[in-house]
Structures are given as C-alpha cells and as structure tokens.
C-alpha cells in the first residue's frame, strides 16, 4: 500500500504506477487532498481518495476523479468528498491542511459514508496489524522546524475570531518532545491585555531553555496571535524527566513595539537538587529579556517564500 497527502499523494500515485509496471505487488493506494483525475491508475491497484469539497488542490488538474465502485472488479477508485466544520471567518487554505484531512480521515474511519468505503477500509486493516515497523522521514526547508508527530491538543475556550484548534495544532504539532498542550484565553494585568496561555507537558526541559529554540516557538505562535489582535503568549511547561520543576515564560509586546520576555522557574519539594543545578546553574531567579520589534518575524527559506 502507498499513501500520501497533497503533493505526497501525487508522488505516491506515480510510485504506484511505476512500481506496478516493475512487478512490485502494489494493491492499494490512499491519498488525501490530491489530484488524480488525469493519472491512469493501473488495474489491480484499489484506490481510496479523500477530498474536501472546497479544497482547490484536488482540482488543479481540471478533471474529476473517475468513479469506479465495482469492488469485485480489477479497477476500483472510491472518492470521499467531505465538508469539514468551518470556523467563522475561515480561509480556503485551512481546507488543505494535513491536520484537517487527518480529522476527516478519522471521521470516515469511525463512520464510513458508504458500503464501498467500508469495504476498502476493511481491506486496509491488515497493513496496520501487529508487528509493523514505522520509518518516518521528513524533508526540511531552510529556516523551518523539523516535522514532528502530532500531539494531543485541548482547547478550553475561544471566541469567534479567536485561535482555532486547527491553527494552533499546525504550530504546536512541530515541537519536539511534546506530549500534550492545553490552550486557553487569559487576561494578564489590564483588561485589554489579551494573552493566550498554554500548559505544555514535555519530555525534557533542555530544548526549551535554548534561546534559539524558544525564538522558533515564539515565531510560530506569534504568527497566529498577531492575526487575532492578541498581544502576547504565556507558556507553562512541565517535563516528565524532571518532576517538581515548572518553567514559565511570558512574551508580551510593549508600547514601543519591543517584546518583553519574562522567565520564571518554580521549584517544589519533588524536584531533585541535582536536576535544578544542572538545568539552572545560575539559579532560578526571574529573568527579563527585551527583544527588538522584528525579533520573531517569519524566517524566509532559501527560495524567499
């Protein structure tokens, strides 16, 4: 079985065609958000395609997928067209997000919309049985964070124009060593000082203590917050490897445009002294750092995109 999302689905389909011609036993192809209308998938490769109704990408080849539902024949291509729930003020680009398609795929698997889809899902289950080995690879653009597996995300509250679950997950799912994130709106100090707080459970604190690492995290989150007229973020981290230590950082825009970063460390009686001295050799006193206004602007990759 070969599978892919968006361009990855196009690559998977091309590999399926060439592998089948070379004599490999390719029996199934699964794609999401991928144009397949002009690609002749060989007989014997049973294909399941997932498309969001308003997503433009599956239509860039100018042709709808052919409908081949004869599950007893050799040429099978089943396309599921879904309309995911949309937040007020959504943009079309949100429909072509990997996380949005993952949510749709989960809904289809839980409640197949037709007998043909249910039958194909049943055929796919042996590929995910016991004894499987997963090899995960990702391409990396210059200036980008390494792709990571998605993490659980819990959203306490939002407003019509606030941060959405999908938008936050796009940034937070790429943070290494994260187990879970609980995000909610808060107000710090004045009533007009809107902050977004995130309680994060991580594997280890070390990666978060490096200034360059924090800058990458801030950059990703602030790109979301800025569009929603928020003025800052508050991160509260606890690590499984160091119980009893809570690391907190508040990043807030000042009237002159600069960013004020305040870092606090809370130590309780569960913390091991050797862990505290290793992570914080200069002590756990409050630190305040001022950053220039453009310190967390998006980083351009080599192509300037």
Foldseek 3Di string as FASTA:
>chain_A
DFEEEQVSLVVSQVCQQVCVVVPHQAQEYEYELAADQPPDRDFRYAYEYEYEPLACRNCPVPGDHDADQPPVGRDHYHYHYDHDDDAPPDDSVLRRDPVNVVVVVVVCQVPPPDPSSVVVVVVCVVVVDPPDDDDDDDDDFPQAADQAAFEAEAEDDADSLGDDPSLVRVLVRRDPFWHYKYKYWDADDDPLQTEIEIETEGADCVQVVDPVSVLNSCLSVVVRVVVSPHFWYKYWYDHPVFPQKIKIWIWGADPVQKIKIKIAIGGDPSGDPVVQCVRCVPDGDIDIDIGHNCSNHRDATPVRD
